[in-house]
Amino acid sequence: MKQLALLSTIVFLLSASVSAQEAKTVITTDIDHFWEAYDSIRTTQDSLQQLQYIQELYIDKGTPGLHAFMKLKGYTAAGYVSLIRRYPAYWNSIRSNTMKVKELAGEFEPGIREFRKIYPELKPAAIYFTIGGMRSGGTAQPGMVLIGAEMVTGNAQTDVSELPANTRKWLQGYYGSDPFKNVVLLNIHEYVHTQQPNYGYNLLSQSLCEGACDFITELVTGKQIPLPYMDYGRKEETALKQKFKTDMFGDSWDTWLYNNGQGAAVADLGYFMGYRICKSYYHKTKNKTQAVKDIIGLNFQDSVMIENFLRKSAYFPEGFNKATLLTTLERQTPVVTKVGTVTGNTMIQATDTLLKIDFSRPMSNNGYSISLSADTTLQYPIKAVKGFSPDGQSILIRVNLQPGVRYGFIMTDRSFRSADGYRLKLHEVRFETGVQ
């Protein structure tokens, strides 16, 4: 009897432990801590005190999910304080919705159960709802789904009037799709990421990485991800398909992924392209269970596997020639063609104060990125960037020069873009001024 009693006690404790673990599948404590910090921050204009509040009341109390999210997305205490100070109407309008996520905990379990039915190898993951820095609705890493509640709980009533024009336009479209109504679908998308082995290295592989999550979400729920790129993608698929084919082996995805609509009619069209390729692969594969395993198990760092997957999908029935596509893409890449003075002189004199740098293609005037040369013997000459020419074919840079000095700087590929969105080929400018 004592043995039976002891066994019953063990079974009870194990059951309680399992129930406790299941109850903690969805973790929302970061949301309470954020608003506690927010209310404290709003009581003072002392920036140092505000930093202390966000650090002690939010970050230091944060869950492992918050800390992982901050690390992945580069969120900082100073960044949070800046957003809170600049956009009070936004935060006030989103607050009540972020608090409602606590009511959703039970709604995720049915989707996860359905996921396990089509993919028995499903590994468990904790779902963390946090408050992020207005840049990501969600991401994942092994064992963790990381959700930015301020993004996924927005709707058409969310006040974005204080935000910069580009961000405001993007968020109006995103919130207009009512992501809060579809937060379970968005969460399943991120849950799929926790099952994937890695992320992509070029446009094709990263689009498949994201598109796989959208497609598996559709299989699990019977519903399509309700974001603007899906509707736009279906309507414009013929044109998008050919454009994607040209770009897909490039290592830049600025106009296809994570672009907030910049450089494209609609943001994140790479998600749609990856989704369509995965869907085509699924329908072409007789063994659907194996197809699901293939899609989730894709090694996005393995170029051979990725290209074979694309071929088997038959999404491009005419096939593709990688070498030819790379050559075509190279022709699209803007390069620096000439560095000289505004007078056209390529010999840099110590008296010259304005450099003119020409490009092979018209450039976007939305940004530039210039860094120091790796050669520490070169001096950095730039005093100010005056801006792009009206036709985008050149940029003027004011420099501060001395006679008989070697100068240099790098025009990087981080922000320089052609008018149609292609990154500038990295270019190092070097010159030496004459001796007077």
Protein backbone atom coordinates (compact mmCIF):
# COMPACT_ATOMS: atom_id res chain seq x y z
CA MET A 1 0.00 0.00 0.00
CA LYS A 2 2.83 2.36 0.85
CA GLN A 3 4.40 1.58 -2.52
CA LEU A 4 1.11 2.28 -4.31
CA ALA A 5 0.70 5.52 -2.38
CA LEU A 6 4.24 6.54 -3.25
CA LEU A 7 3.66 5.67 -6.93
CA SER A 8 0.44 7.67 -6.94
CA THR A 9 2.28 10.64 -5.44
CA ILE A 10 5.00 10.43 -8.10
CA VAL A 11 2.41 10.22 -10.89
CA PHE A 12 0.57 13.22 -9.43
CA LEU A 13 3.77 15.27 -9.17
CA LEU A 14 4.79 14.37 -12.72
CA SER A 15 1.33 15.30 -14.00
CA ALA A 16 1.47 18.59 -12.13
CA SER A 17 4.92 19.27 -13.56
CA VAL A 18 3.73 18.59 -17.12
CA SER A 19 0.66 20.78 -16.60
CA ALA A 20 2.84 23.58 -15.25
CA GLN A 21 5.13 23.32 -18.26
CA GLU A 22 2.17 23.39 -20.65
CA ALA A 23 0.77 26.42 -18.79
CA LYS A 24 4.04 28.19 -19.44
CA THR A 25 4.06 27.55 -23.17
CA VAL A 26 2.91 31.16 -23.65
CA ILE A 27 4.77 33.68 -21.47
CA THR A 28 3.55 37.29 -21.26
CA THR A 29 5.18 38.75 -18.14
CA ASP A 30 7.41 41.06 -20.20
CA ILE A 31 4.35 43.03 -21.26
CA ASP A 32 3.42 43.89 -17.67
CA HIS A 33 7.00 44.87 -16.90
CA PHE A 34 7.22 47.12 -19.96
CA TRP A 35 4.15 49.13 -19.03
CA GLU A 36 5.36 49.44 -15.47
CA ALA A 37 8.58 50.94 -16.84
CA TYR A 38 6.65 53.07 -19.34
CA ASP A 39 4.49 54.65 -16.63
CA SER A 40 7.57 55.46 -14.58
CA ILE A 41 9.38 56.97 -17.56
CA ARG A 42 6.45 59.26 -18.26
CA THR A 43 6.75 60.80 -14.78
CA THR A 44 10.09 62.49 -15.48
CA GLN A 45 12.02 64.30 -18.20
CA ASP A 46 15.35 63.23 -16.73
CA SER A 47 16.87 61.03 -19.41
CA LEU A 48 19.22 59.25 -17.01
CA GLN A 49 16.31 58.44 -14.70
CA GLN A 50 14.33 57.19 -17.69
CA LEU A 51 17.19 54.88 -18.69
CA GLN A 52 17.30 53.56 -15.15
CA TYR A 53 13.57 52.82 -15.19
CA ILE A 54 13.65 50.89 -18.48
CA GLN A 55 16.73 48.96 -17.39
CA GLU A 56 15.59 48.04 -13.89
CA LEU A 57 11.84 47.66 -14.38
CA TYR A 58 11.82 46.04 -17.82
CA ILE A 59 15.15 44.66 -19.02
CA ASP A 60 16.54 43.40 -15.71
CA LYS A 61 13.20 41.72 -14.94
CA GLY A 62 12.98 40.36 -18.47
CA THR A 63 12.42 36.77 -19.50
CA PRO A 64 14.99 34.78 -21.48
CA GLY A 65 12.76 35.52 -24.45
CA LEU A 66 13.09 39.29 -24.05
CA HIS A 67 16.85 39.06 -23.68
CA ALA A 68 17.10 36.85 -26.78
CA PHE A 69 14.84 39.21 -28.76
CA MET A 70 16.89 42.24 -27.77
CA LYS A 71 20.12 40.54 -28.78
CA LEU A 72 18.78 39.35 -32.13
CA LYS A 73 17.24 42.70 -33.06
CA GLY A 74 19.77 45.04 -31.48
CA TYR A 75 17.28 46.60 -29.05
CA THR A 76 18.83 48.70 -26.27
CA ALA A 77 17.68 50.59 -23.19
CA ALA A 78 18.48 53.89 -24.89
CA GLY A 79 16.52 52.82 -27.96
CA TYR A 80 13.43 52.04 -25.90
CA VAL A 81 13.59 55.38 -24.11
CA SER A 82 13.95 57.22 -27.41
CA LEU A 83 10.85 55.52 -28.85
CA ILE A 84 8.81 56.20 -25.72
CA ARG A 85 9.78 59.89 -25.69
CA ARG A 86 9.13 60.44 -29.41
CA TYR A 87 5.86 58.56 -29.96
CA PRO A 88 3.56 58.83 -26.89
CA ALA A 89 0.36 58.75 -28.97
CA TYR A 90 1.46 55.50 -30.59
CA TRP A 91 2.19 53.80 -27.28
CA ASN A 92 -1.03 54.99 -25.68
CA SER A 93 -3.05 53.65 -28.62
CA ILE A 94 -1.41 50.22 -28.65
CA ARG A 95 -1.36 49.61 -24.90
CA SER A 96 -4.77 48.00 -24.37
CA ASN A 97 -4.27 45.58 -27.25
CA THR A 98 -0.90 44.38 -25.97
CA MET A 99 -2.57 43.49 -22.67
CA LYS A 100 -5.10 41.28 -24.46
CA VAL A 101 -2.49 38.72 -25.51
CA LYS A 102 -2.86 37.09 -22.09
CA GLU A 103 -6.29 35.94 -23.22
CA LEU A 104 -4.81 34.15 -26.24
CA ALA A 105 -2.72 31.53 -24.44
CA GLY A 106 -5.28 28.78 -24.96
CA GLU A 107 -5.73 29.58 -28.64
CA PHE A 108 -2.23 28.49 -29.63
CA GLU A 109 -2.48 24.89 -28.42
CA PRO A 110 -4.91 23.63 -31.12
CA GLY A 111 -2.59 24.92 -33.84
CA ILE A 112 0.42 23.28 -32.23
CA ARG A 113 -1.49 19.99 -31.96
CA GLU A 114 -2.37 20.17 -35.66
CA PHE A 115 1.25 20.97 -36.45
CA ARG A 116 2.33 17.82 -34.63
CA LYS A 117 -0.13 15.74 -36.67
CA ILE A 118 1.49 16.67 -39.97
CA TYR A 119 4.99 16.79 -38.50
CA PRO A 120 5.38 14.22 -35.70
CA GLU A 121 9.01 15.27 -35.16
CA LEU A 122 7.84 18.63 -33.80
CA LYS A 123 10.11 19.94 -31.05
CA PRO A 124 8.54 21.96 -28.20
CA ALA A 125 9.15 25.70 -27.95
CA ALA A 126 8.17 28.41 -25.48
CA ILE A 127 6.26 31.38 -26.89
CA TYR A 128 7.38 34.74 -25.47
CA PHE A 129 5.30 37.87 -25.96
CA THR A 130 7.51 40.91 -25.38
CA ILE A 131 7.51 44.58 -26.28
CA GLY A 132 10.12 45.24 -28.95
CA GLY A 133 11.46 48.30 -30.72
CA MET A 134 8.80 48.62 -33.45
CA ARG A 135 10.94 46.74 -35.99
CA SER A 136 9.83 43.12 -35.78
CA GLY A 137 6.58 41.27 -35.32
CA GLY A 138 8.45 38.14 -34.44
CA THR A 139 11.42 35.88 -34.87
CA ALA A 140 12.61 32.59 -33.48
CA GLN A 141 15.56 30.61 -32.33
CA PRO A 142 15.78 27.00 -31.14
CA GLY A 143 13.20 26.44 -28.42
CA MET A 144 11.87 30.01 -28.48
CA VAL A 145 9.20 31.90 -30.40
CA LEU A 146 9.84 35.62 -29.86
CA ILE A 147 6.90 37.93 -30.54
CA GLY A 148 6.90 41.74 -30.59
CA ALA A 149 3.47 42.41 -29.12
CA GLU A 150 3.48 46.08 -30.11
CA MET A 151 3.57 44.93 -33.74
CA VAL A 152 1.24 41.94 -33.82
CA THR A 153 -1.53 43.51 -31.73
CA GLY A 154 -1.95 46.64 -33.84
CA ASN A 155 -4.99 47.44 -35.94
CA ALA A 156 -6.37 50.27 -38.08
CA GLN A 157 -7.06 52.34 -34.95
CA THR A 158 -3.41 52.35 -33.86
CA ASP A 159 -2.12 55.94 -33.94
CA VAL A 160 0.97 56.18 -36.18
CA SER A 161 0.65 59.91 -36.88
CA GLU A 162 3.88 60.79 -35.03
CA LEU A 163 6.08 58.36 -36.97
CA PRO A 164 8.31 59.24 -39.98
CA ALA A 165 6.56 59.18 -43.37
CA ASN A 166 8.06 55.90 -44.66
CA THR A 167 7.43 54.05 -41.41
CA ARG A 168 3.95 55.53 -41.13
CA LYS A 169 3.02 54.36 -44.64
CA TRP A 170 4.27 50.84 -44.01
CA LEU A 171 2.59 50.51 -40.61
CA GLN A 172 -0.71 51.86 -41.93
CA GLY A 173 -0.73 49.03 -44.47
CA TYR A 174 0.44 46.44 -41.95
CA TYR A 175 -1.92 47.46 -39.17
CA GLY A 176 -4.70 47.82 -41.72
CA SER A 177 -4.49 44.05 -42.24
CA ASP A 178 -5.46 43.69 -38.55
CA PRO A 179 -2.58 41.47 -37.45
CA PHE A 180 -4.09 41.12 -33.97
CA LYS A 181 -7.02 39.24 -35.48
CA ASN A 182 -4.56 36.82 -37.05
CA VAL A 183 -1.95 36.62 -34.30
CA VAL A 184 -2.37 32.83 -34.01
CA LEU A 185 -1.38 32.42 -37.67
CA LEU A 186 1.61 34.71 -37.26
CA ASN A 187 2.64 32.78 -34.18
CA ILE A 188 2.52 29.44 -36.02
CA HIS A 189 4.77 30.99 -38.69
CA GLU A 190 7.35 31.76 -36.02
CA TYR A 191 6.88 28.34 -34.43
CA VAL A 192 7.90 26.76 -37.73
CA HIS A 193 11.14 28.75 -37.59
CA THR A 194 12.02 26.97 -34.33
CA GLN A 195 12.03 23.68 -36.25
CA GLN A 196 14.30 24.85 -39.06
CA PRO A 197 18.05 24.12 -38.91
CA ASN A 198 19.32 27.58 -39.94
CA TYR A 199 18.73 30.67 -42.06
CA GLY A 200 19.57 31.53 -45.66
CA TYR A 201 22.65 32.98 -47.31
CA ASN A 202 21.14 34.48 -50.46
CA LEU A 203 17.77 35.77 -51.64
CA LEU A 204 16.53 32.36 -52.78
CA SER A 205 17.43 30.49 -49.60
CA GLN A 206 16.13 33.17 -47.23
CA SER A 207 12.88 33.53 -49.20
CA LEU A 208 12.41 29.76 -48.92
CA CYS A 209 13.13 29.98 -45.19
CA GLU A 210 10.32 32.51 -44.70
CA GLY A 211 8.00 31.10 -47.34
CA ALA A 212 8.24 27.61 -45.82
CA CYS A 213 6.83 29.03 -42.58
CA ASP A 214 3.94 30.67 -44.41
CA PHE A 215 3.14 27.48 -46.31
CA ILE A 216 3.31 25.17 -43.28
CA THR A 217 1.10 27.65 -41.39
CA GLU A 218 -1.45 27.30 -44.18
CA LEU A 219 -1.32 23.49 -43.96
CA VAL A 220 -1.72 23.59 -40.18
CA THR A 221 -4.56 26.12 -39.99
CA GLY A 222 -6.20 25.93 -43.40
CA LYS A 223 -5.77 29.70 -43.67
CA GLN A 224 -3.39 31.84 -45.68
CA ILE A 225 -1.21 34.42 -43.95
CA PRO A 226 -3.34 37.58 -44.33
CA LEU A 227 -0.62 40.13 -45.09
CA PRO A 228 -0.49 42.51 -48.08
CA TYR A 229 2.29 40.60 -49.86
CA MET A 230 -0.04 37.62 -50.35
CA ASP A 231 -2.77 39.59 -52.16
CA TYR A 232 -0.29 41.61 -54.19
CA GLY A 233 1.79 38.54 -54.98
CA ARG A 234 -1.14 36.64 -56.42
CA LYS A 235 -2.16 39.56 -58.63
CA GLU A 236 1.36 40.32 -59.89
CA GLU A 237 2.90 36.86 -59.77
CA THR A 238 3.87 36.66 -63.44
CA ALA A 239 6.01 39.80 -63.30
CA LEU A 240 7.32 39.06 -59.81
CA LYS A 241 8.33 35.57 -60.85
CA GLN A 242 10.65 36.80 -63.59
CA LYS A 243 12.11 39.56 -61.44
CA PHE A 244 12.74 37.10 -58.62
CA LYS A 245 14.42 34.69 -61.00
CA THR A 246 16.87 37.42 -62.02
CA ASP A 247 17.67 38.35 -58.41
CA MET A 248 17.42 35.03 -56.56
CA PHE A 249 21.10 34.04 -56.51
CA GLY A 250 22.24 37.43 -55.24
CA ASP A 251 23.29 37.96 -51.63
CA SER A 252 21.17 41.10 -51.28
CA TRP A 253 17.45 40.93 -50.50
CA ASP A 254 16.81 44.56 -49.68
CA THR A 255 13.88 44.97 -52.09
CA TRP A 256 12.37 41.57 -51.29
CA LEU A 257 12.65 40.94 -47.55
CA TYR A 258 12.46 43.00 -44.35
CA ASN A 259 12.21 46.16 -46.43
CA ASN A 260 9.12 47.82 -44.91
CA GLY A 261 7.91 48.57 -48.42
CA GLN A 262 10.97 50.59 -49.39
CA GLY A 263 12.09 49.89 -52.95
CA ALA A 264 8.98 47.83 -53.67
CA ALA A 265 5.25 48.36 -54.07
CA VAL A 266 4.60 46.08 -51.08
CA ALA A 267 6.95 44.91 -48.33
CA ASP A 268 8.30 41.36 -48.00
CA LEU A 269 7.41 39.96 -51.41
CA GLY A 270 10.20 37.42 -50.95
CA TYR A 271 7.92 35.70 -48.42
CA PHE A 272 5.35 35.21 -51.16
CA MET A 273 7.90 33.85 -53.63
CA GLY A 274 9.26 31.36 -51.10
CA TYR A 275 5.71 30.35 -50.20
CA ARG A 276 4.81 29.69 -53.83
CA ILE A 277 7.94 27.59 -54.43
CA CYS A 278 7.24 25.49 -51.32
CA LYS A 279 3.60 25.08 -52.32
CA SER A 280 4.64 23.97 -55.79
CA TYR A 281 7.09 21.45 -54.28
CA TYR A 282 4.37 20.06 -51.99
CA HIS A 283 1.92 19.56 -54.84
CA LYS A 284 4.59 17.94 -57.04
CA THR A 285 5.53 15.44 -54.30
CA LYS A 286 3.33 12.34 -54.02
CA ASN A 287 4.26 11.56 -50.40
CA LYS A 288 2.86 14.59 -48.57
CA THR A 289 4.30 13.58 -45.19
CA GLN A 290 7.75 13.44 -46.75
CA ALA A 291 7.13 16.75 -48.51
CA VAL A 292 6.46 18.43 -45.15
CA LYS A 293 9.67 16.94 -43.73
CA ASP A 294 11.61 18.13 -46.78
CA ILE A 295 10.28 21.67 -46.49
CA ILE A 296 10.90 22.02 -42.76
CA GLY A 297 14.25 20.25 -42.91
CA LEU A 298 15.78 22.36 -45.66
CA ASN A 299 19.37 23.31 -44.92
CA PHE A 300 19.34 26.92 -46.08
CA GLN A 301 23.14 27.07 -46.07
CA ASP A 302 23.44 24.15 -48.52
CA SER A 303 23.37 25.59 -52.05
CA VAL A 304 23.09 22.15 -53.68
CA MET A 305 20.07 21.17 -51.56
CA ILE A 306 18.37 24.53 -52.13
CA GLU A 307 18.85 24.47 -55.90
CA ASN A 308 17.70 20.84 -56.15
CA PHE A 309 14.61 21.73 -54.13
CA LEU A 310 13.88 24.56 -56.54
CA ARG A 311 14.25 22.24 -59.54
CA LYS A 312 11.97 19.60 -58.01
CA SER A 313 9.36 22.24 -57.26
CA ALA A 314 9.08 22.95 -61.01
CA TYR A 315 8.12 26.51 -60.10
CA PHE A 316 10.24 27.59 -63.05
CA PRO A 317 9.16 24.92 -65.55
CA GLU A 318 11.59 26.29 -68.12
CA GLY A 319 14.45 25.65 -65.69
CA PHE A 320 17.24 28.07 -64.83
CA ASN A 321 20.91 28.58 -65.58
CA LYS A 322 22.66 29.87 -62.47
CA ALA A 323 25.75 31.18 -64.29
CA THR A 324 23.64 33.14 -66.76
CA LEU A 325 21.47 34.59 -64.00
CA LEU A 326 24.52 35.67 -62.01
CA THR A 327 25.93 37.40 -65.09
CA THR A 328 22.65 39.23 -65.60
CA LEU A 329 22.59 40.22 -61.93
CA GLU A 330 26.15 41.52 -62.15
CA ARG A 331 25.07 43.87 -64.94
CA GLN A 332 22.36 45.24 -62.66
CA THR A 333 24.84 46.02 -59.88
CA PRO A 334 25.84 49.70 -59.80
CA VAL A 335 29.55 50.54 -59.62
CA VAL A 336 31.65 53.67 -59.18
CA THR A 337 32.89 54.74 -62.60
CA LYS A 338 34.85 57.90 -61.86
CA VAL A 339 36.21 59.95 -58.96
CA GLY A 340 37.23 63.52 -59.68
CA THR A 341 36.52 67.14 -58.92
CA VAL A 342 33.45 69.14 -59.84
CA THR A 343 35.46 70.61 -62.71
CA GLY A 344 36.04 67.16 -64.17
CA ASN A 345 39.71 66.99 -63.14
CA THR A 346 40.69 63.48 -61.99
CA MET A 347 43.92 64.79 -60.43
CA ILE A 348 43.10 65.73 -56.86
CA GLN A 349 44.82 68.93 -55.75
CA ALA A 350 45.18 70.17 -52.21
CA THR A 351 43.01 73.17 -53.04
CA ASP A 352 40.09 71.01 -54.22
CA THR A 353 37.28 70.89 -51.68
CA LEU A 354 34.47 69.14 -53.58
CA LEU A 355 34.70 65.61 -54.97
CA LYS A 356 32.32 64.32 -57.63
CA ILE A 357 31.83 60.55 -57.73
CA ASP A 358 30.02 59.06 -60.71
CA PHE A 359 28.02 55.83 -60.86
CA SER A 360 27.21 53.42 -63.66
CA ARG A 361 23.48 53.62 -62.92
CA PRO A 362 21.10 56.16 -61.37
CA MET A 363 21.16 55.89 -57.58
CA SER A 364 18.44 56.31 -54.97
CA ASN A 365 18.82 59.44 -52.86
CA ASN A 366 17.46 57.68 -49.77
CA GLY A 367 20.82 56.90 -48.25
CA TYR A 368 24.56 56.38 -48.41
CA SER A 369 27.21 54.66 -46.30
CA ILE A 370 30.87 55.68 -46.14
CA SER A 371 33.46 54.18 -43.80
CA LEU A 372 37.14 54.49 -42.96
CA SER A 373 39.68 52.66 -45.07
CA ALA A 374 41.18 49.51 -43.57
CA ASP A 375 44.57 51.00 -44.48
CA THR A 376 45.45 53.05 -41.40
CA THR A 377 48.11 54.99 -43.32
CA LEU A 378 45.34 56.75 -45.25
CA GLN A 379 43.73 59.89 -43.86
CA TYR A 380 39.94 60.31 -43.85
CA PRO A 381 39.13 63.51 -45.78
CA ILE A 382 35.34 63.84 -45.71
CA LYS A 383 33.86 66.93 -44.14
CA ALA A 384 30.27 66.59 -45.40
CA VAL A 385 28.19 64.79 -48.02
CA LYS A 386 26.43 67.40 -50.15
CA GLY A 387 24.05 64.95 -51.81
CA PHE A 388 23.17 63.22 -55.06
CA SER A 389 22.74 64.92 -58.41
CA PRO A 390 19.12 65.25 -59.63
CA ASP A 391 19.60 62.35 -62.06
CA GLY A 392 21.20 60.16 -59.37
CA GLN A 393 24.29 59.51 -61.51
CA SER A 394 26.72 61.17 -59.10
CA ILE A 395 27.24 62.30 -55.53
CA LEU A 396 29.09 65.38 -54.26
CA ILE A 397 31.31 65.09 -51.18
CA ARG A 398 33.02 68.02 -49.48
CA VAL A 399 36.53 67.17 -48.36
CA ASN A 400 39.17 68.87 -46.24
CA LEU A 401 42.58 68.38 -47.91
CA GLN A 402 46.17 69.20 -47.16
CA PRO A 403 49.10 69.08 -49.62
CA GLY A 404 51.15 65.90 -49.95
CA VAL A 405 48.79 63.61 -48.02
CA ARG A 406 47.41 60.17 -48.93
CA TYR A 407 43.65 59.92 -48.41
CA GLY A 408 41.10 57.12 -48.60
CA PHE A 409 37.59 55.99 -47.68
CA ILE A 410 35.20 53.18 -48.56
CA MET A 411 31.83 53.57 -50.22
CA THR A 412 30.11 50.54 -48.73
CA ASP A 413 27.21 48.44 -49.97
CA ARG A 414 25.16 48.93 -46.79
CA SER A 415 23.08 51.95 -47.84
CA PHE A 416 24.07 52.95 -51.39
CA ARG A 417 21.34 51.61 -53.69
CA SER A 418 20.47 52.04 -57.34
CA ALA A 419 17.10 53.61 -58.08
CA ASP A 420 15.68 50.13 -58.63
CA GLY A 421 17.12 48.77 -55.40
CA TYR A 422 20.44 47.06 -56.20
CA ARG A 423 23.36 47.49 -53.81
CA LEU A 424 26.43 49.39 -54.90
CA LYS A 425 29.52 47.24 -55.43
CA LEU A 426 31.86 48.15 -52.58
CA HIS A 427 34.42 50.69 -53.76
CA GLU A 428 37.49 52.11 -52.04
CA VAL A 429 38.47 55.65 -53.03
CA ARG A 430 42.21 56.40 -52.75
CA PHE A 431 44.13 59.50 -53.82
CA GLU A 432 47.15 61.60 -52.92
CA THR A 433 47.26 65.37 -53.06
CA GLY A 434 50.12 67.17 -54.78
CA VAL A 435 52.88 68.96 -52.91
CA GLN A 436 52.66 72.75 -53.12
